Amino acid sequence: MAEVSFESEAALVEAVLFLESEPLAEKSIANISELSEDVVKKSLEVLKQKYGEKNSGLELVMIAGGWALTPKKKIWNVLKERYGSKTEGRLSRSAMETLSIIAYSQPITRAEIEEIRGVSADNMIRLLSERNLIKEVGKKDVPGKPVQFGTTKEFLKFFRLNSIADLPRLEEEEAERFELAR
């Protein structure tokens, strides 16, 4: 039997990824395309190779546990002001600082955020929650049971990360800034 060509299957997977606005897990791609998960995996390999070429403006990336076609980072930096999601917008310095504290210290309470920042975090927590970059992830097992916050899947997509483990490593001096005085 001749070796099966995955070119047409890869084209189908490519079209699905192009048309979908959210990153998709391999199982979802298989359901949408009506291909087996094995064929989807092989098709993704074909597409990774295709988009890995220097002359391609796109790349196939894993974001928040799903596959997506996105502009290469260098190109996106030029285009994001025009084509970035209207809800993304820019985050203020204080919003980015609060979001960084949450991302690197999660789960974390409002009081702990305020202890690190030295100012009230109410407005920033509300803004980041409204933009779906953070969410309540539980309650701390201390008197009063304060709410703890963590990042969301939207946070991962916003920063083009596959998981929170992909956050850049902090220098020792920076890491100390995110620690609570005990």
C-alpha atoms as a PDB file:
ATOM      1  CA  MET A   1       0.000   0.000   0.000  1.00  0.00           C
ATOM      2  CA  ALA A   2       1.312   3.469  -0.899  1.00  0.00           C
ATOM      3  CA  GLU A   3       2.131   5.904   1.895  1.00  0.00           C
ATOM      4  CA  VAL A   4      -0.805   8.150   2.688  1.00  0.00           C
ATOM      5  CA  SER A   5      -0.324  11.833   1.889  1.00  0.00           C
ATOM      6  CA  PHE A   6      -1.493  14.199   4.590  1.00  0.00           C
ATOM      7  CA  GLU A   7      -1.432  17.254   2.320  1.00  0.00           C
ATOM      8  CA  SER A   8      -5.202  17.457   1.771  1.00  0.00           C
ATOM      9  CA  GLU A   9      -5.917  16.603   5.411  1.00  0.00           C
ATOM     10  CA  ALA A  10      -3.400  19.259   6.496  1.00  0.00           C
ATOM     11  CA  ALA A  11      -5.166  21.753   4.213  1.00  0.00           C
ATOM     12  CA  LEU A  12      -8.475  20.914   5.921  1.00  0.00           C
ATOM     13  CA  VAL A  13      -6.919  21.316   9.401  1.00  0.00           C
ATOM     14  CA  GLU A  14      -5.314  24.580   8.255  1.00  0.00           C
ATOM     15  CA  ALA A  15      -8.696  25.909   7.067  1.00  0.00           C
ATOM     16  CA  VAL A  16     -10.342  24.957  10.379  1.00  0.00           C
ATOM     17  CA  LEU A  17      -7.621  26.789  12.345  1.00  0.00           C
ATOM     18  CA  PHE A  18      -7.937  29.808  10.044  1.00  0.00           C
ATOM     19  CA  LEU A  19     -11.711  30.023  10.500  1.00  0.00           C
ATOM     20  CA  GLU A  20     -11.795  29.468  14.264  1.00  0.00           C
ATOM     21  CA  SER A  21     -11.184  32.479  16.487  1.00  0.00           C
ATOM     22  CA  GLU A  22     -10.131  30.425  19.529  1.00  0.00           C
ATOM     23  CA  PRO A  23      -7.259  27.958  19.927  1.00  0.00           C
ATOM     24  CA  LEU A  24      -8.485  24.384  19.446  1.00  0.00           C
ATOM     25  CA  ALA A  25      -7.464  21.117  21.090  1.00  0.00           C
ATOM     26  CA  GLU A  26      -6.615  18.250  18.732  1.00  0.00           C
ATOM     27  CA  LYS A  27      -9.847  16.461  19.690  1.00  0.00           C
ATOM     28  CA  SER A  28     -11.901  19.536  18.712  1.00  0.00           C
ATOM     29  CA  ILE A  29     -10.066  19.809  15.392  1.00  0.00           C
ATOM     30  CA  ALA A  30     -10.808  16.117  14.783  1.00  0.00           C
ATOM     31  CA  ASN A  31     -14.521  16.613  15.542  1.00  0.00           C
ATOM     32  CA  ILE A  32     -14.836  19.675  13.312  1.00  0.00           C
ATOM     33  CA  SER A  33     -12.823  18.238  10.415  1.00  0.00           C
ATOM     34  CA  GLU A  34     -14.218  14.702  10.785  1.00  0.00           C
ATOM     35  CA  LEU A  35     -10.642  13.367  10.736  1.00  0.00           C
ATOM     36  CA  SER A  36      -9.151  10.964  13.253  1.00  0.00           C
ATOM     37  CA  GLU A  37      -6.990  12.422  16.018  1.00  0.00           C
ATOM     38  CA  ASP A  38      -3.965  10.591  14.554  1.00  0.00           C
ATOM     39  CA  VAL A  39      -4.516  12.240  11.170  1.00  0.00           C
ATOM     40  CA  VAL A  40      -4.968  15.608  12.904  1.00  0.00           C
ATOM     41  CA  LYS A  41      -1.652  15.120  14.774  1.00  0.00           C
ATOM     42  CA  LYS A  42       0.162  14.267  11.544  1.00  0.00           C
ATOM     43  CA  SER A  43      -1.491  17.197   9.777  1.00  0.00           C
ATOM     44  CA  LEU A  44      -0.367  19.549  12.545  1.00  0.00           C
ATOM     45  CA  GLU A  45       3.213  18.309  12.038  1.00  0.00           C
ATOM     46  CA  VAL A  46       2.921  19.099   8.316  1.00  0.00           C
ATOM     47  CA  LEU A  47       1.604  22.578   9.165  1.00  0.00           C
ATOM     48  CA  LYS A  48       4.331  23.196  11.791  1.00  0.00           C
ATOM     49  CA  GLN A  49       6.915  22.469   9.120  1.00  0.00           C
ATOM     50  CA  LYS A  50       5.130  24.684   6.577  1.00  0.00           C
ATOM     51  CA  TYR A  51       4.821  27.640   8.947  1.00  0.00           C
ATOM     52  CA  GLY A  52       8.331  27.124  10.287  1.00  0.00           C
ATOM     53  CA  GLU A  53       9.728  28.420   6.993  1.00  0.00           C
ATOM     54  CA  LYS A  54      11.404  31.845   7.126  1.00  0.00           C
ATOM     55  CA  ASN A  55       9.164  33.294   4.418  1.00  0.00           C
ATOM     56  CA  SER A  56       5.937  32.536   6.308  1.00  0.00           C
ATOM     57  CA  GLY A  57       4.210  35.353   8.160  1.00  0.00           C
ATOM     58  CA  LEU A  58       2.237  32.905  10.284  1.00  0.00           C
ATOM     59  CA  GLU A  59       3.139  30.307  12.858  1.00  0.00           C
ATOM     60  CA  LEU A  60       1.284  27.364  14.343  1.00  0.00           C
ATOM     61  CA  VAL A  61       1.390  27.722  18.115  1.00  0.00           C
ATOM     62  CA  MET A  62      -0.050  26.067  21.191  1.00  0.00           C
ATOM     63  CA  ILE A  63      -1.896  28.711  23.205  1.00  0.00           C
ATOM     64  CA  ALA A  64      -3.831  27.901  26.372  1.00  0.00           C
ATOM     65  CA  GLY A  65      -3.867  24.183  25.525  1.00  0.00           C
ATOM     66  CA  GLY A  66      -5.092  24.580  21.945  1.00  0.00           C
ATOM     67  CA  TRP A  67      -3.605  25.088  18.478  1.00  0.00           C
ATOM     68  CA  ALA A  68      -3.899  28.401  16.659  1.00  0.00           C
ATOM     69  CA  LEU A  69      -2.540  30.077  13.559  1.00  0.00           C
ATOM     70  CA  THR A  70      -1.102  33.428  14.567  1.00  0.00           C
ATOM     71  CA  PRO A  71       1.173  36.024  13.000  1.00  0.00           C
ATOM     72  CA  LYS A  72       4.819  35.462  13.866  1.00  0.00           C
ATOM     73  CA  LYS A  73       5.804  37.572  16.889  1.00  0.00           C
ATOM     74  CA  LYS A  74       7.978  40.036  14.945  1.00  0.00           C
ATOM     75  CA  ILE A  75       5.159  40.633  12.473  1.00  0.00           C
ATOM     76  CA  TRP A  76       2.488  40.816  15.188  1.00  0.00           C
ATOM     77  CA  ASN A  77       4.394  43.608  16.944  1.00  0.00           C
ATOM     78  CA  VAL A  78       3.944  45.693  13.779  1.00  0.00           C
ATOM     79  CA  LEU A  79       0.289  44.740  13.248  1.00  0.00           C
ATOM     80  CA  LYS A  80      -1.233  44.435  16.724  1.00  0.00           C
ATOM     81  CA  GLU A  81      -2.190  48.089  17.103  1.00  0.00           C
ATOM     82  CA  ARG A  82      -4.458  47.814  14.053  1.00  0.00           C
ATOM     83  CA  TYR A  83      -5.560  44.171  14.272  1.00  0.00           C
ATOM     84  CA  GLY A  84      -5.434  43.458  18.005  1.00  0.00           C
ATOM     85  CA  SER A  85      -8.748  42.693  19.647  1.00  0.00           C
ATOM     86  CA  LYS A  86     -10.569  45.854  20.633  1.00  0.00           C
ATOM     87  CA  THR A  87     -11.032  44.436  24.137  1.00  0.00           C
ATOM     88  CA  GLU A  88      -7.308  43.842  24.499  1.00  0.00           C
ATOM     89  CA  GLY A  89      -6.291  47.454  24.351  1.00  0.00           C
ATOM     90  CA  ARG A  90      -3.365  48.521  26.409  1.00  0.00           C
ATOM     91  CA  LEU A  91      -3.132  47.911  30.106  1.00  0.00           C
ATOM     92  CA  SER A  92      -1.987  50.750  32.333  1.00  0.00           C
ATOM     93  CA  ARG A  93       1.241  50.411  34.250  1.00  0.00           C
ATOM     94  CA  SER A  94      -0.661  49.787  37.509  1.00  0.00           C
ATOM     95  CA  ALA A  95      -2.893  47.179  35.830  1.00  0.00           C
ATOM     96  CA  MET A  96       0.195  45.407  34.458  1.00  0.00           C
ATOM     97  CA  GLU A  97       1.857  45.550  37.876  1.00  0.00           C
ATOM     98  CA  THR A  98      -1.229  44.055  39.568  1.00  0.00           C
ATOM     99  CA  LEU A  99      -1.559  41.417  36.844  1.00  0.00           C
ATOM    100  CA  SER A 100       2.131  40.501  37.205  1.00  0.00           C
ATOM    101  CA  ILE A 101       1.755  40.087  40.951  1.00  0.00           C
ATOM    102  CA  ILE A 102      -1.242  37.815  40.455  1.00  0.00           C
ATOM    103  CA  ALA A 103       0.421  35.800  37.674  1.00  0.00           C
ATOM    104  CA  TYR A 104       3.639  35.174  39.602  1.00  0.00           C
ATOM    105  CA  SER A 105       2.089  34.752  43.065  1.00  0.00           C
ATOM    106  CA  GLN A 106      -1.225  32.990  42.390  1.00  0.00           C
ATOM    107  CA  PRO A 107      -3.353  32.093  44.180  1.00  0.00           C
ATOM    108  CA  ILE A 108      -3.245  35.424  45.989  1.00  0.00           C
ATOM    109  CA  THR A 109      -5.715  37.514  47.997  1.00  0.00           C
ATOM    110  CA  ARG A 110      -6.563  41.189  47.537  1.00  0.00           C
ATOM    111  CA  ALA A 111      -4.830  42.021  50.871  1.00  0.00           C
ATOM    112  CA  GLU A 112      -1.668  40.198  49.747  1.00  0.00           C
ATOM    113  CA  ILE A 113      -1.689  42.109  46.431  1.00  0.00           C
ATOM    114  CA  GLU A 114      -2.070  45.362  48.338  1.00  0.00           C
ATOM    115  CA  GLU A 115       0.761  44.401  50.709  1.00  0.00           C
ATOM    116  CA  ILE A 116       3.080  43.864  47.737  1.00  0.00           C
ATOM    117  CA  ARG A 117       1.934  46.952  45.784  1.00  0.00           C
ATOM    118  CA  GLY A 118       1.556  49.227  48.792  1.00  0.00           C
ATOM    119  CA  VAL A 119      -1.708  50.686  47.459  1.00  0.00           C
ATOM    120  CA  SER A 120      -5.364  49.652  47.136  1.00  0.00           C
ATOM    121  CA  ALA A 121      -5.950  47.045  44.455  1.00  0.00           C
ATOM    122  CA  ASP A 122      -9.758  47.293  44.235  1.00  0.00           C
ATOM    123  CA  ASN A 123      -9.941  49.171  40.919  1.00  0.00           C
ATOM    124  CA  MET A 124      -7.224  47.090  39.254  1.00  0.00           C
ATOM    125  CA  ILE A 125      -8.808  43.803  40.368  1.00  0.00           C
ATOM    126  CA  ARG A 126     -12.177  44.986  39.027  1.00  0.00           C
ATOM    127  CA  LEU A 127     -10.613  46.065  35.696  1.00  0.00           C
ATOM    128  CA  LEU A 128      -8.651  42.818  35.272  1.00  0.00           C
ATOM    129  CA  SER A 129     -11.742  40.762  36.199  1.00  0.00           C
ATOM    130  CA  GLU A 130     -13.908  42.683  33.694  1.00  0.00           C
ATOM    131  CA  ARG A 131     -11.312  41.984  31.000  1.00  0.00           C
ATOM    132  CA  ASN A 132     -11.379  38.316  32.022  1.00  0.00           C
ATOM    133  CA  LEU A 133      -7.629  38.242  32.680  1.00  0.00           C
ATOM    134  CA  ILE A 134      -8.087  37.145  36.312  1.00  0.00           C
ATOM    135  CA  LYS A 135     -10.775  35.283  38.225  1.00  0.00           C
ATOM    136  CA  GLU A 136     -11.602  34.042  41.687  1.00  0.00           C
ATOM    137  CA  VAL A 137      -9.906  30.677  42.145  1.00  0.00           C
ATOM    138  CA  GLY A 138     -10.861  29.851  45.723  1.00  0.00           C
ATOM    139  CA  LYS A 139     -10.787  31.067  49.284  1.00  0.00           C
ATOM    140  CA  LYS A 140      -7.778  31.137  51.583  1.00  0.00           C
ATOM    141  CA  ASP A 141      -8.108  28.894  54.624  1.00  0.00           C
ATOM    142  CA  VAL A 142      -7.656  31.654  57.202  1.00  0.00           C
ATOM    143  CA  PRO A 143     -10.176  33.595  59.330  1.00  0.00           C
ATOM    144  CA  GLY A 144     -12.554  35.535  57.106  1.00  0.00           C
ATOM    145  CA  LYS A 145     -11.838  33.170  54.171  1.00  0.00           C
ATOM    146  CA  PRO A 146     -10.659  35.902  51.744  1.00  0.00           C
ATOM    147  CA  VAL A 147     -11.071  35.314  48.010  1.00  0.00           C
ATOM    148  CA  GLN A 148      -7.953  34.249  46.110  1.00  0.00           C
ATOM    149  CA  PHE A 149      -7.283  35.354  42.547  1.00  0.00           C
ATOM    150  CA  GLY A 150      -5.503  33.671  39.657  1.00  0.00           C
ATOM    151  CA  THR A 151      -5.088  34.126  35.922  1.00  0.00           C
ATOM    152  CA  THR A 152      -7.490  32.871  33.245  1.00  0.00           C
ATOM    153  CA  LYS A 153      -7.296  31.227  29.851  1.00  0.00           C
ATOM    154  CA  GLU A 154      -7.820  34.732  28.398  1.00  0.00           C
ATOM    155  CA  PHE A 155      -4.630  35.807  30.206  1.00  0.00           C
ATOM    156  CA  LEU A 156      -2.748  33.003  28.436  1.00  0.00           C
ATOM    157  CA  LYS A 157      -4.188  34.027  25.067  1.00  0.00           C
ATOM    158  CA  PHE A 158      -3.499  37.735  25.709  1.00  0.00           C
ATOM    159  CA  PHE A 159       0.197  36.996  26.321  1.00  0.00           C
ATOM    160  CA  ARG A 160       0.376  34.099  23.808  1.00  0.00           C
ATOM    161  CA  LEU A 161       1.366  31.534  26.452  1.00  0.00           C
ATOM    162  CA  ASN A 162       0.512  27.847  26.462  1.00  0.00           C
ATOM    163  CA  SER A 163       0.582  27.648  30.255  1.00  0.00           C
ATOM    164  CA  ILE A 164       1.514  29.744  33.282  1.00  0.00           C
ATOM    165  CA  ALA A 165       4.810  27.811  33.363  1.00  0.00           C
ATOM    166  CA  ASP A 166       5.759  29.679  30.165  1.00  0.00           C
ATOM    167  CA  LEU A 167       5.965  33.010  32.007  1.00  0.00           C
ATOM    168  CA  PRO A 168       9.458  34.504  31.783  1.00  0.00           C
ATOM    169  CA  ARG A 169      11.659  33.630  34.751  1.00  0.00           C
ATOM    170  CA  LEU A 170      12.213  36.478  37.168  1.00  0.00           C
ATOM    171  CA  GLU A 171      15.635  37.642  38.254  1.00  0.00           C
ATOM    172  CA  GLU A 172      16.224  37.079  41.982  1.00  0.00           C
ATOM    173  CA  GLU A 173      15.783  40.799  42.716  1.00  0.00           C
ATOM    174  CA  GLU A 174      12.478  40.902  40.819  1.00  0.00           C
ATOM    175  CA  ALA A 175      11.249  37.699  42.472  1.00  0.00           C
ATOM    176  CA  GLU A 176      11.832  39.205  45.930  1.00  0.00           C
ATOM    177  CA  ARG A 177       9.462  42.036  45.016  1.00  0.00           C
ATOM    178  CA  PHE A 178       6.626  39.515  44.624  1.00  0.00           C
ATOM    179  CA  GLU A 179       7.187  37.934  48.023  1.00  0.00           C
ATOM    180  CA  LEU A 180       5.082  38.864  51.001  1.00  0.00           C
ATOM    181  CA  ALA A 181       6.753  40.087  54.163  1.00  0.00           C
ATOM    182  CA  ARG A 182       6.138  37.293  56.628  1.00  0.00           C
END
